[in-house]
Amino acid sequence: MPISNFSSSRFFLTGFPGLERYYFWLSIPFAFIYAMVFLGNCMVLHVIRTEPSLHQPMFYFLAMLALTDLCVGLSTVHTVLGVLWGLMQEISLDSCIAQSYFIHGLSFVESSVLLAMAFDRCIAIRSPLRYSSILTNEKIVKIGVAISCRSSLLIPPVIIRLRFLDYCRPHTLSHSFCLHQDLIRMACSDIRFNSIYGLALVISNLLLDAVLILVSYIMILWTVMAIASREERVKSLQTCVSHICAVLVFYIPIIGLTMVHRFGKHLSPLVHVLMGNIYILFPPLMNPIIYSIKTQQIRRRVQRLFDFKGT
């Protein structure tokens, strides 16, 4: 790449290195995945909104999760499909910063919602008689506002700082979307603030949430093991299966992407691209499927929805 491009404010998006001739065919499964993300999460939101029996804390939190996943898809679809369809090869610095803000912010929102859902399951199993009095609609609204503030107010300092860095290294992103770690890799300015503050954000959000979710499940297991009836123990644990799957679907790609960025410098760029797309698309794609299959109330309502459309 010519040296003159280093000082420009535009960055080159990376699709699938070495597979450029197959972009049209690759775009077909990606377009299908994005369609599934949008339709699946919209269906979950529609079912929860229109079914009065689902107006419960557990499903309010599920609606927050579906809305977050929907926004994740909306924040990346234009660049991912734009690259594959040949409509987009580069992105401006301001657009790149905005996209990274939404990607990382929504990641923190999803982590916080999963923590709230673990809290919900913990209360439902440990204090079932006080469940409705503890998790009132007013408290759920406060939790939602706290999640939004936590994610939207903590990220701007590190994201805004990106606007004032000098980018003197090749302006080629590792993915077909923008990530904070990708941008600071190309900067030749002092990036200590971004590195330290970014690490603090990860520890205080993603890592802390993961630890608290683990603690919640230790408490749940402690309570369930004290139940005398085996059937009741199994029934109690079954209410947590969907959430456990959602937690694994969210955290495993993050761990994988982190490992690839940290220790996979010798790996093919294709591996980096693949892990990045899994990190972005896997949770929004799988969460509606998980909850539609594993949650009885959602499954029945979805079946009724399709039966109604089929008549």
Protein backbone atom coordinates (compact mmCIF):
# COMPACT_ATOMS: atom_id res chain seq x y z
CA MET A 1 0.00 0.00 0.00
CA PRO A 2 1.43 3.41 -0.85
CA ILE A 3 2.86 5.54 1.91
CA SER A 4 0.55 8.40 0.95
CA ASN A 5 -2.43 6.43 2.22
CA PHE A 6 -1.00 6.25 5.75
CA SER A 7 -1.95 9.81 6.59
CA SER A 8 -5.46 9.67 5.10
CA SER A 9 -8.54 9.42 7.27
CA ARG A 10 -9.90 6.34 5.48
CA PHE A 11 -9.35 2.71 6.41
CA PHE A 12 -9.47 -0.36 4.20
CA LEU A 13 -11.90 -3.11 5.23
CA THR A 14 -10.73 -6.72 5.06
CA GLY A 15 -13.08 -9.39 3.78
CA PHE A 16 -11.70 -12.91 3.40
CA PRO A 17 -8.08 -12.71 2.20
CA GLY A 18 -7.40 -15.01 -0.74
CA LEU A 19 -11.08 -15.70 -1.37
CA GLU A 20 -11.94 -12.50 -3.25
CA ARG A 21 -13.16 -14.39 -6.32
CA TYR A 22 -15.75 -16.19 -4.17
CA TYR A 23 -17.18 -13.10 -2.46
CA PHE A 24 -20.51 -13.33 -4.28
CA TRP A 25 -21.01 -16.93 -3.13
CA LEU A 26 -19.81 -16.11 0.39
CA SER A 27 -22.33 -13.27 0.53
CA ILE A 28 -25.23 -15.74 0.20
CA PRO A 29 -24.71 -17.50 3.60
CA PHE A 30 -23.83 -14.18 5.24
CA ALA A 31 -26.99 -12.53 3.91
CA PHE A 32 -28.96 -15.55 5.15
CA ILE A 33 -27.34 -15.30 8.60
CA TYR A 34 -28.15 -11.59 8.87
CA ALA A 35 -31.72 -12.28 7.74
CA MET A 36 -31.99 -14.95 10.46
CA VAL A 37 -30.56 -12.51 13.03
CA PHE A 38 -33.13 -9.84 12.16
CA LEU A 39 -36.11 -12.17 11.78
CA GLY A 40 -35.26 -14.30 14.83
CA ASN A 41 -34.80 -11.41 17.23
CA CYS A 42 -37.79 -9.49 15.84
CA MET A 43 -39.89 -12.63 16.31
CA VAL A 44 -38.80 -12.94 19.95
CA LEU A 45 -39.63 -9.26 20.56
CA HIS A 46 -43.01 -9.63 18.83
CA VAL A 47 -43.92 -12.75 20.81
CA ILE A 48 -43.02 -11.15 24.15
CA ARG A 49 -44.87 -7.93 23.29
CA THR A 50 -48.09 -9.60 22.11
CA GLU A 51 -48.36 -12.46 24.63
CA PRO A 52 -49.61 -11.21 28.05
CA SER A 53 -48.45 -14.40 29.80
CA LEU A 54 -44.85 -13.50 28.88
CA HIS A 55 -44.99 -10.12 30.61
CA GLN A 56 -42.70 -11.36 33.36
CA PRO A 57 -39.20 -10.30 34.51
CA MET A 58 -37.48 -13.24 32.83
CA PHE A 59 -38.97 -12.36 29.44
CA TYR A 60 -38.42 -8.62 29.86
CA PHE A 61 -34.72 -9.39 30.20
CA LEU A 62 -34.94 -11.70 27.18
CA ALA A 63 -36.50 -8.80 25.22
CA MET A 64 -33.51 -6.63 26.22
CA LEU A 65 -31.17 -9.38 24.96
CA ALA A 66 -33.05 -9.69 21.65
CA LEU A 67 -33.03 -5.90 21.14
CA THR A 68 -29.28 -5.80 21.83
CA ASP A 69 -28.63 -8.62 19.34
CA LEU A 70 -30.78 -6.84 16.76
CA CYS A 71 -28.68 -3.67 17.18
CA VAL A 72 -25.44 -5.66 16.85
CA GLY A 73 -26.63 -6.92 13.48
CA LEU A 74 -27.68 -3.45 12.36
CA SER A 75 -24.30 -1.97 13.35
CA THR A 76 -22.26 -4.33 11.13
CA VAL A 77 -24.49 -5.48 8.26
CA HIS A 78 -23.63 -2.55 5.96
CA THR A 79 -19.86 -3.10 6.09
CA VAL A 80 -19.83 -6.93 6.13
CA LEU A 81 -22.22 -7.33 3.19
CA GLY A 82 -20.88 -4.16 1.56
CA VAL A 83 -17.41 -5.73 1.30
CA LEU A 84 -18.76 -9.05 -0.02
CA TRP A 85 -20.97 -7.34 -2.59
CA GLY A 86 -18.17 -5.01 -3.72
CA LEU A 87 -20.09 -1.92 -2.60
CA MET A 88 -17.63 -0.92 0.09
CA GLN A 89 -13.87 -1.21 0.34
CA GLU A 90 -13.01 1.51 2.83
CA ILE A 91 -14.51 3.45 5.71
CA SER A 92 -13.85 6.93 7.09
CA LEU A 93 -12.25 7.39 10.51
CA ASP A 94 -15.40 8.95 12.01
CA SER A 95 -17.61 6.13 10.73
CA CYS A 96 -15.10 3.58 11.95
CA ILE A 97 -15.00 5.13 15.43
CA ALA A 98 -18.82 5.24 15.55
CA GLN A 99 -19.07 1.59 14.54
CA SER A 100 -16.49 0.52 17.13
CA TYR A 101 -18.45 2.45 19.78
CA PHE A 102 -21.64 0.54 18.96
CA ILE A 103 -19.93 -2.85 18.68
CA HIS A 104 -18.11 -2.58 22.01
CA GLY A 105 -20.96 -0.76 23.74
CA LEU A 106 -23.49 -3.39 22.68
CA SER A 107 -21.09 -6.12 23.79
CA PHE A 108 -21.05 -4.59 27.28
CA VAL A 109 -24.85 -4.24 27.19
CA GLU A 110 -25.23 -7.93 26.32
CA SER A 111 -22.87 -8.93 29.12
CA SER A 112 -24.86 -6.81 31.58
CA VAL A 113 -28.18 -8.26 30.40
CA LEU A 114 -26.83 -11.80 30.84
CA LEU A 115 -25.81 -10.85 34.39
CA ALA A 116 -29.31 -9.48 35.05
CA MET A 117 -30.79 -12.72 33.71
CA ALA A 118 -28.54 -14.74 36.06
CA PHE A 119 -29.75 -12.53 38.93
CA ASP A 120 -33.33 -13.22 37.82
CA ARG A 121 -32.80 -17.01 37.82
CA CYS A 122 -31.05 -16.84 41.21
CA ILE A 123 -33.99 -15.02 42.81
CA ALA A 124 -36.57 -17.29 41.11
CA ILE A 125 -34.91 -20.44 42.51
CA ARG A 126 -33.71 -19.20 45.90
CA SER A 127 -36.71 -17.02 46.81
CA PRO A 128 -39.64 -18.11 44.62
CA LEU A 129 -42.29 -16.72 46.99
CA ARG A 130 -40.69 -13.25 46.99
CA TYR A 131 -39.81 -13.27 43.27
CA SER A 132 -42.61 -10.99 42.08
CA SER A 133 -42.15 -8.58 44.98
CA ILE A 134 -38.38 -8.29 44.43
CA LEU A 135 -38.37 -7.96 40.64
CA THR A 136 -41.16 -5.46 40.12
CA ASN A 137 -41.66 -3.62 36.82
CA GLU A 138 -40.19 -0.49 38.38
CA LYS A 139 -37.01 -2.33 39.39
CA ILE A 140 -36.69 -3.91 35.95
CA VAL A 141 -36.88 -0.44 34.36
CA LYS A 142 -34.18 0.76 36.77
CA ILE A 143 -31.99 -2.23 35.88
CA GLY A 144 -32.47 -1.48 32.18
CA VAL A 145 -31.52 2.18 32.67
CA ALA A 146 -28.48 1.17 34.75
CA ILE A 147 -27.34 -1.25 32.02
CA SER A 148 -27.69 1.46 29.35
CA CYS A 149 -25.82 4.06 31.43
CA ARG A 150 -23.08 1.64 32.41
CA SER A 151 -22.36 0.74 28.80
CA SER A 152 -22.94 4.10 27.09
CA LEU A 153 -21.18 6.39 29.58
CA LEU A 154 -18.04 4.38 30.33
CA ILE A 155 -16.94 3.79 26.72
CA PRO A 156 -16.86 7.35 25.22
CA PRO A 157 -13.51 8.42 26.83
CA VAL A 158 -11.57 5.63 25.13
CA ILE A 159 -13.54 5.89 21.86
CA ILE A 160 -13.32 9.70 21.59
CA ARG A 161 -9.56 9.46 22.17
CA LEU A 162 -9.30 7.50 18.89
CA ARG A 163 -10.27 10.67 17.00
CA PHE A 164 -7.10 12.45 18.14
CA LEU A 165 -4.53 9.72 17.46
CA ASP A 166 -2.12 9.83 14.53
CA TYR A 167 -2.42 6.79 12.27
CA CYS A 168 0.88 6.38 10.48
CA ARG A 169 0.79 2.61 9.95
CA PRO A 170 -0.97 0.90 7.02
CA HIS A 171 -4.69 1.64 7.18
CA THR A 172 -5.84 -1.94 6.71
CA LEU A 173 -8.32 -3.28 9.23
CA SER A 174 -8.27 -6.94 10.26
CA HIS A 175 -12.02 -7.34 9.69
CA SER A 176 -14.90 -6.00 7.62
CA PHE A 177 -15.90 -3.89 10.64
CA CYS A 178 -14.07 -1.67 13.13
CA LEU A 179 -12.76 -2.69 16.54
CA HIS A 180 -10.93 -0.53 19.08
CA GLN A 181 -7.93 -2.88 19.24
CA ASP A 182 -7.62 -2.74 15.46
CA LEU A 183 -7.47 1.07 15.38
CA ILE A 184 -4.90 1.49 18.15
CA ARG A 185 -2.73 -1.11 16.40
CA MET A 186 -2.37 1.35 13.49
CA ALA A 187 -1.66 4.40 15.68
CA CYS A 188 1.82 5.82 16.17
CA SER A 189 0.70 8.18 18.98
CA ASP A 190 0.86 7.38 22.69
CA ILE A 191 -1.81 4.72 23.19
CA ARG A 192 -1.19 4.03 26.89
CA PHE A 193 -4.50 5.63 27.91
CA ASN A 194 -6.45 3.52 25.39
CA SER A 195 -4.65 0.35 26.42
CA ILE A 196 -5.01 0.87 30.19
CA TYR A 197 -8.55 2.27 30.10
CA GLY A 198 -9.62 -0.41 27.60
CA LEU A 199 -8.25 -3.15 29.85
CA ALA A 200 -9.99 -1.59 32.85
CA LEU A 201 -13.28 -1.58 30.91
CA VAL A 202 -12.93 -5.25 30.02
CA ILE A 203 -12.13 -6.17 33.63
CA SER A 204 -14.90 -4.04 35.16
CA ASN A 205 -17.52 -5.14 32.63
CA LEU A 206 -16.97 -8.45 30.87
CA LEU A 207 -14.74 -10.14 33.45
CA LEU A 208 -16.67 -8.88 36.48
CA ASP A 209 -19.98 -9.89 34.88
CA ALA A 210 -18.62 -13.37 34.14
CA VAL A 211 -17.47 -13.79 37.74
CA LEU A 212 -20.83 -12.60 39.12
CA ILE A 213 -22.70 -14.94 36.76
CA LEU A 214 -20.53 -17.80 38.03
CA VAL A 215 -21.24 -16.80 41.64
CA SER A 216 -24.98 -16.70 40.86
CA TYR A 217 -24.88 -20.25 39.54
CA ILE A 218 -22.89 -21.49 42.53
CA MET A 219 -25.66 -20.08 44.73
CA ILE A 220 -28.30 -21.66 42.48
CA LEU A 221 -26.60 -25.06 42.65
CA TRP A 222 -26.26 -24.76 46.42
CA THR A 223 -30.01 -24.17 46.69
CA VAL A 224 -30.98 -26.87 44.17
CA MET A 225 -28.83 -29.53 45.85
CA ALA A 226 -30.76 -28.91 49.07
CA ILE A 227 -34.06 -29.85 47.40
CA ALA A 228 -35.12 -33.34 48.45
CA SER A 229 -37.03 -34.33 45.31
CA ARG A 230 -34.91 -35.29 42.28
CA GLU A 231 -37.71 -34.23 39.93
CA GLU A 232 -37.86 -30.77 41.52
CA ARG A 233 -34.08 -30.41 41.26
CA VAL A 234 -34.16 -31.26 37.55
CA LYS A 235 -37.13 -28.94 36.98
CA SER A 236 -35.33 -26.05 38.70
CA LEU A 237 -32.14 -26.55 36.72
CA GLN A 238 -34.04 -26.81 33.42
CA THR A 239 -35.17 -23.20 33.83
CA CYS A 240 -31.49 -22.19 33.63
CA VAL A 241 -30.49 -24.19 30.53
CA SER A 242 -31.35 -21.46 28.01
CA HIS A 243 -29.45 -18.83 29.97
CA ILE A 244 -26.38 -21.05 30.40
CA CYS A 245 -26.34 -21.66 26.63
CA ALA A 246 -26.64 -17.91 25.97
CA VAL A 247 -23.73 -17.20 28.35
CA LEU A 248 -21.52 -19.79 26.60
CA VAL A 249 -22.51 -18.51 23.15
CA PHE A 250 -21.50 -14.98 24.20
CA TYR A 251 -18.28 -15.59 26.12
CA ILE A 252 -16.64 -18.38 24.10
CA PRO A 253 -16.30 -16.26 20.89
CA ILE A 254 -14.95 -13.34 22.96
CA ILE A 255 -12.31 -15.59 24.52
CA GLY A 256 -11.48 -17.05 21.11
CA LEU A 257 -11.11 -13.64 19.45
CA THR A 258 -8.99 -12.36 22.35
CA MET A 259 -6.67 -15.38 22.12
CA VAL A 260 -6.31 -14.97 18.36
CA HIS A 261 -5.50 -11.24 18.66
CA ARG A 262 -3.09 -11.82 21.55
CA PHE A 263 -1.28 -15.03 20.58
CA GLY A 264 -2.25 -15.68 16.96
CA LYS A 265 -0.05 -13.20 15.12
CA HIS A 266 1.51 -16.11 13.21
CA LEU A 267 -1.89 -17.43 12.12
CA SER A 268 -3.41 -16.84 8.70
CA PRO A 269 -5.37 -13.57 8.35
CA LEU A 270 -8.31 -15.78 7.40
CA VAL A 271 -8.42 -17.13 10.97
CA HIS A 272 -8.60 -13.59 12.37
CA VAL A 273 -11.42 -12.70 9.97
CA LEU A 274 -13.32 -15.89 10.77
CA MET A 275 -13.05 -15.40 14.54
CA GLY A 276 -14.13 -11.77 14.19
CA ASN A 277 -17.25 -12.75 12.27
CA ILE A 278 -18.08 -15.48 14.79
CA TYR A 279 -17.72 -12.94 17.60
CA ILE A 280 -20.12 -10.55 15.85
CA LEU A 281 -22.70 -12.96 14.40
CA PHE A 282 -22.80 -16.11 16.52
CA PRO A 283 -24.59 -14.75 19.64
CA PRO A 284 -27.28 -12.76 17.74
CA LEU A 285 -27.92 -15.78 15.51
CA MET A 286 -28.03 -18.41 18.25
CA ASN A 287 -29.89 -16.64 21.07
CA PRO A 288 -33.33 -16.63 19.35
CA ILE A 289 -32.82 -20.28 18.38
CA ILE A 290 -31.80 -21.26 21.91
CA TYR A 291 -34.74 -19.53 23.58
CA SER A 292 -37.23 -20.71 20.96
CA ILE A 293 -36.18 -24.33 21.49
CA LYS A 294 -35.36 -24.44 25.20
CA THR A 295 -37.99 -22.08 26.66
CA GLN A 296 -41.39 -23.76 26.66
CA GLN A 297 -43.48 -20.56 26.76
CA ILE A 298 -41.59 -19.03 23.81
CA ARG A 299 -41.69 -22.29 21.83
CA ARG A 300 -45.45 -22.69 22.24
CA ARG A 301 -46.14 -19.08 21.29
CA VAL A 302 -43.91 -19.33 18.20
CA GLN A 303 -45.65 -22.54 17.16
CA ARG A 304 -49.04 -20.84 17.53
CA LEU A 305 -47.74 -17.90 15.51
CA PHE A 306 -46.72 -20.13 12.60
CA ASP A 307 -49.88 -22.23 12.87
CA PHE A 308 -51.94 -19.06 12.62
CA LYS A 309 -50.01 -17.91 9.54
CA GLY A 310 -50.40 -21.33 7.97
CA THR A 311 -54.21 -21.35 8.23
